[in-house]
Amino acid sequence: MLICRLLPVLSLMYFFNSLDRSNLGNAKTDGLENDLHLVGNQYNVILAVFNVTFCLFDLPSNLMLKKFSGKVMLPLMMIGWW
């Protein structure tokens, strides 16, 4: 019965994660560069900064996941990302 309660929540978390990651790509096709007056490779710098910080925080969060349980870390990560 636990899986029936856990799977919908985890599915929603995965959906919002993928939606959030794709927002920058969708925004570029919708005219983000013109709206923010980006020139040259500024958009690429934004993507690089986003991905580097995402990777830097990925390792510590996974190490904390080993120390604390998933029922503590998953809500904290969702609140922290919000």
N, C-alpha and C. Protein backbone atom coordinates (compact mmCIF):
# COMPACT_ATOMS: atom_id res chain seq x y z
N MET A 1 0.81 -1.21 0.00
CA MET A 1 0.00 0.00 0.00
C MET A 1 0.85 1.26 0.00
N LEU A 2 2.05 1.16 0.55
CA LEU A 2 2.93 2.32 0.58
C LEU A 2 3.26 2.80 -0.83
N ILE A 3 3.44 1.87 -1.75
CA ILE A 3 3.78 2.24 -3.12
C ILE A 3 2.65 3.04 -3.78
N CYS A 4 1.42 2.77 -3.40
CA CYS A 4 0.28 3.50 -3.98
C CYS A 4 0.26 4.96 -3.53
N ARG A 5 0.82 5.25 -2.37
CA ARG A 5 0.89 6.64 -1.90
C ARG A 5 2.16 7.32 -2.36
N LEU A 6 3.24 6.56 -2.48
CA LEU A 6 4.54 7.13 -2.79
C LEU A 6 4.74 7.41 -4.27
N LEU A 7 4.27 6.53 -5.12
CA LEU A 7 4.50 6.67 -6.56
C LEU A 7 3.89 7.93 -7.16
N PRO A 8 2.67 8.34 -6.83
CA PRO A 8 2.16 9.59 -7.40
C PRO A 8 2.97 10.82 -6.98
N VAL A 9 3.42 10.86 -5.76
CA VAL A 9 4.20 12.00 -5.28
C VAL A 9 5.56 12.04 -5.99
N LEU A 10 6.21 10.90 -6.10
CA LEU A 10 7.50 10.85 -6.80
C LEU A 10 7.34 11.17 -8.28
N SER A 11 6.24 10.75 -8.88
CA SER A 11 5.99 11.07 -10.28
C SER A 11 5.81 12.57 -10.48
N LEU A 12 5.10 13.22 -9.59
CA LEU A 12 4.93 14.67 -9.67
C LEU A 12 6.25 15.39 -9.48
N MET A 13 7.08 14.92 -8.55
CA MET A 13 8.38 15.53 -8.33
C MET A 13 9.25 15.39 -9.57
N TYR A 14 9.24 14.23 -10.22
CA TYR A 14 10.02 14.03 -11.43
C TYR A 14 9.49 14.90 -12.56
N PHE A 15 8.18 15.02 -12.68
CA PHE A 15 7.58 15.87 -13.71
C PHE A 15 7.99 17.32 -13.54
N PHE A 16 7.90 17.85 -12.33
CA PHE A 16 8.28 19.24 -12.10
C PHE A 16 9.77 19.47 -12.29
N ASN A 17 10.59 18.48 -11.99
CA ASN A 17 12.02 18.59 -12.22
C ASN A 17 12.31 18.71 -13.71
N SER A 18 11.72 17.84 -14.51
CA SER A 18 11.96 17.91 -15.96
C SER A 18 11.35 19.17 -16.56
N LEU A 19 10.22 19.61 -16.05
CA LEU A 19 9.60 20.83 -16.53
C LEU A 19 10.48 22.04 -16.23
N ASP A 20 11.06 22.06 -15.04
CA ASP A 20 11.91 23.17 -14.64
C ASP A 20 13.18 23.22 -15.47
N ARG A 21 13.75 22.07 -15.78
CA ARG A 21 14.97 22.03 -16.57
C ARG A 21 14.73 22.47 -18.01
N SER A 22 13.56 22.21 -18.52
CA SER A 22 13.29 22.55 -19.92
C SER A 22 12.81 23.99 -20.09
N ASN A 23 12.56 24.69 -19.00
CA ASN A 23 12.04 26.06 -19.09
C ASN A 23 12.99 27.01 -19.80
N LEU A 24 14.29 26.89 -19.58
CA LEU A 24 15.23 27.80 -20.24
C LEU A 24 15.25 27.59 -21.74
N GLY A 25 15.17 26.35 -22.17
CA GLY A 25 15.12 26.08 -23.60
C GLY A 25 13.84 26.59 -24.24
N ASN A 26 12.72 26.40 -23.55
CA ASN A 26 11.45 26.90 -24.06
C ASN A 26 11.42 28.43 -24.08
N ALA A 27 12.02 29.04 -23.08
CA ALA A 27 12.03 30.50 -23.01
C ALA A 27 12.87 31.08 -24.14
N LYS A 28 13.94 30.39 -24.53
CA LYS A 28 14.77 30.90 -25.62
C LYS A 28 13.99 30.91 -26.93
N THR A 29 13.24 29.86 -27.18
CA THR A 29 12.46 29.81 -28.42
C THR A 29 11.30 30.82 -28.40
N ASP A 30 10.92 31.25 -27.21
CA ASP A 30 9.83 32.21 -27.09
C ASP A 30 10.31 33.66 -27.04
N GLY A 31 11.61 33.88 -27.23
CA GLY A 31 12.12 35.25 -27.31
C GLY A 31 12.77 35.77 -26.05
N LEU A 32 13.34 34.89 -25.24
CA LEU A 32 14.00 35.30 -24.00
C LEU A 32 15.17 36.25 -24.27
N GLU A 33 15.93 35.95 -25.30
CA GLU A 33 17.11 36.77 -25.60
C GLU A 33 16.73 38.20 -25.96
N ASN A 34 15.64 38.36 -26.70
CA ASN A 34 15.20 39.72 -27.06
C ASN A 34 14.63 40.45 -25.85
N ASP A 35 13.86 39.73 -25.01
CA ASP A 35 13.25 40.37 -23.84
C ASP A 35 14.29 40.84 -22.83
N LEU A 36 15.35 40.07 -22.66
CA LEU A 36 16.39 40.42 -21.69
C LEU A 36 17.55 41.18 -22.32
N HIS A 37 17.46 41.45 -23.61
CA HIS A 37 18.49 42.18 -24.35
C HIS A 37 19.85 41.49 -24.22
N LEU A 38 19.86 40.17 -24.41
CA LEU A 38 21.10 39.40 -24.34
C LEU A 38 21.83 39.51 -25.67
N VAL A 39 23.12 39.66 -25.61
CA VAL A 39 23.94 39.74 -26.82
C VAL A 39 25.03 38.69 -26.76
N GLY A 40 25.48 38.27 -27.92
CA GLY A 40 26.59 37.32 -27.99
C GLY A 40 26.24 36.00 -27.35
N ASN A 41 27.13 35.56 -26.49
CA ASN A 41 26.94 34.25 -25.87
C ASN A 41 26.44 34.35 -24.42
N GLN A 42 25.74 35.40 -24.08
CA GLN A 42 25.25 35.56 -22.71
C GLN A 42 24.26 34.46 -22.33
N TYR A 43 23.46 34.02 -23.28
CA TYR A 43 22.52 32.92 -23.00
C TYR A 43 23.29 31.65 -22.65
N ASN A 44 24.37 31.38 -23.38
CA ASN A 44 25.18 30.20 -23.09
C ASN A 44 25.84 30.30 -21.72
N VAL A 45 26.23 31.50 -21.33
CA VAL A 45 26.81 31.69 -20.00
C VAL A 45 25.76 31.41 -18.92
N ILE A 46 24.53 31.84 -19.16
CA ILE A 46 23.44 31.56 -18.21
C ILE A 46 23.25 30.06 -18.06
N LEU A 47 23.23 29.33 -19.17
CA LEU A 47 23.08 27.88 -19.11
C LEU A 47 24.25 27.23 -18.39
N ALA A 48 25.46 27.70 -18.65
CA ALA A 48 26.63 27.12 -18.00
C ALA A 48 26.60 27.35 -16.50
N VAL A 49 26.23 28.54 -16.07
CA VAL A 49 26.15 28.84 -14.63
C VAL A 49 25.08 27.97 -13.98
N PHE A 50 23.95 27.82 -14.64
CA PHE A 50 22.88 26.97 -14.10
C PHE A 50 23.35 25.53 -13.95
N ASN A 51 23.97 24.98 -15.00
CA ASN A 51 24.39 23.58 -14.95
C ASN A 51 25.53 23.35 -13.97
N VAL A 52 26.46 24.28 -13.87
CA VAL A 52 27.58 24.12 -12.94
C VAL A 52 27.07 24.14 -11.49
N THR A 53 26.21 25.09 -11.17
CA THR A 53 25.68 25.14 -9.80
C THR A 53 24.81 23.93 -9.51
N PHE A 54 24.08 23.45 -10.51
CA PHE A 54 23.27 22.25 -10.31
C PHE A 54 24.16 21.06 -9.99
N CYS A 55 25.27 20.92 -10.71
CA CYS A 55 26.20 19.82 -10.47
C CYS A 55 26.92 19.97 -9.13
N LEU A 56 27.26 21.20 -8.76
CA LEU A 56 27.95 21.41 -7.48
C LEU A 56 27.07 21.05 -6.29
N PHE A 57 25.79 21.33 -6.39
CA PHE A 57 24.89 21.01 -5.28
C PHE A 57 24.38 19.58 -5.34
N ASP A 58 24.61 18.90 -6.43
CA ASP A 58 24.13 17.53 -6.57
C ASP A 58 24.89 16.57 -5.65
N LEU A 59 26.20 16.67 -5.63
CA LEU A 59 26.99 15.78 -4.79
C LEU A 59 26.71 15.95 -3.30
N PRO A 60 26.71 17.17 -2.75
CA PRO A 60 26.40 17.30 -1.32
C PRO A 60 24.98 16.83 -0.98
N SER A 61 24.04 17.05 -1.87
CA SER A 61 22.67 16.60 -1.56
C SER A 61 22.59 15.08 -1.56
N ASN A 62 23.34 14.42 -2.44
CA ASN A 62 23.35 12.96 -2.43
C ASN A 62 24.07 12.41 -1.20
N LEU A 63 25.11 13.09 -0.76
CA LEU A 63 25.78 12.66 0.47
C LEU A 63 24.88 12.85 1.68
N MET A 64 24.12 13.94 1.69
CA MET A 64 23.18 14.15 2.79
C MET A 64 22.05 13.14 2.73
N LEU A 65 21.71 12.68 1.54
CA LEU A 65 20.66 11.68 1.39
C LEU A 65 21.07 10.36 2.03
N LYS A 66 22.37 10.06 2.01
CA LYS A 66 22.85 8.85 2.68
C LYS A 66 22.75 8.99 4.20
N LYS A 67 22.97 10.20 4.70
CA LYS A 67 22.94 10.42 6.14
C LYS A 67 21.50 10.52 6.66
N PHE A 68 20.67 11.27 5.95
CA PHE A 68 19.27 11.43 6.35
C PHE A 68 18.40 10.58 5.43
N SER A 69 17.21 10.33 5.81
CA SER A 69 16.34 9.49 4.99
C SER A 69 15.71 10.30 3.85
N GLY A 70 15.12 9.59 2.93
CA GLY A 70 14.46 10.24 1.80
C GLY A 70 13.25 11.05 2.21
N LYS A 71 12.59 10.63 3.28
CA LYS A 71 11.40 11.38 3.71
C LYS A 71 11.77 12.73 4.31
N VAL A 72 13.03 12.93 4.65
CA VAL A 72 13.49 14.23 5.13
C VAL A 72 14.08 15.03 3.97
N MET A 73 14.91 14.38 3.15
CA MET A 73 15.65 15.09 2.11
C MET A 73 14.81 15.50 0.91
N LEU A 74 13.89 14.64 0.47
CA LEU A 74 13.09 14.98 -0.71
C LEU A 74 12.24 16.23 -0.49
N PRO A 75 11.53 16.36 0.64
CA PRO A 75 10.81 17.62 0.85
C PRO A 75 11.74 18.82 0.98
N LEU A 76 12.90 18.65 1.62
CA LEU A 76 13.84 19.76 1.73
C LEU A 76 14.36 20.21 0.37
N MET A 77 14.65 19.24 -0.50
CA MET A 77 15.11 19.60 -1.84
C MET A 77 14.02 20.29 -2.65
N MET A 78 12.79 19.84 -2.49
CA MET A 78 11.68 20.46 -3.21
C MET A 78 11.46 21.90 -2.72
N ILE A 79 11.53 22.11 -1.42
CA ILE A 79 11.35 23.46 -0.86
C ILE A 79 12.54 24.34 -1.25
N GLY A 80 13.75 23.78 -1.21
CA GLY A 80 14.94 24.54 -1.57
C GLY A 80 14.93 24.95 -3.04
N TRP A 81 14.42 24.12 -3.90
CA TRP A 81 14.38 24.44 -5.33
C TRP A 81 13.29 25.44 -5.64
N TRP A 82 12.26 25.47 -4.83
CA TRP A 82 11.12 26.37 -5.05
C TRP A 82 11.55 27.76 -4.78
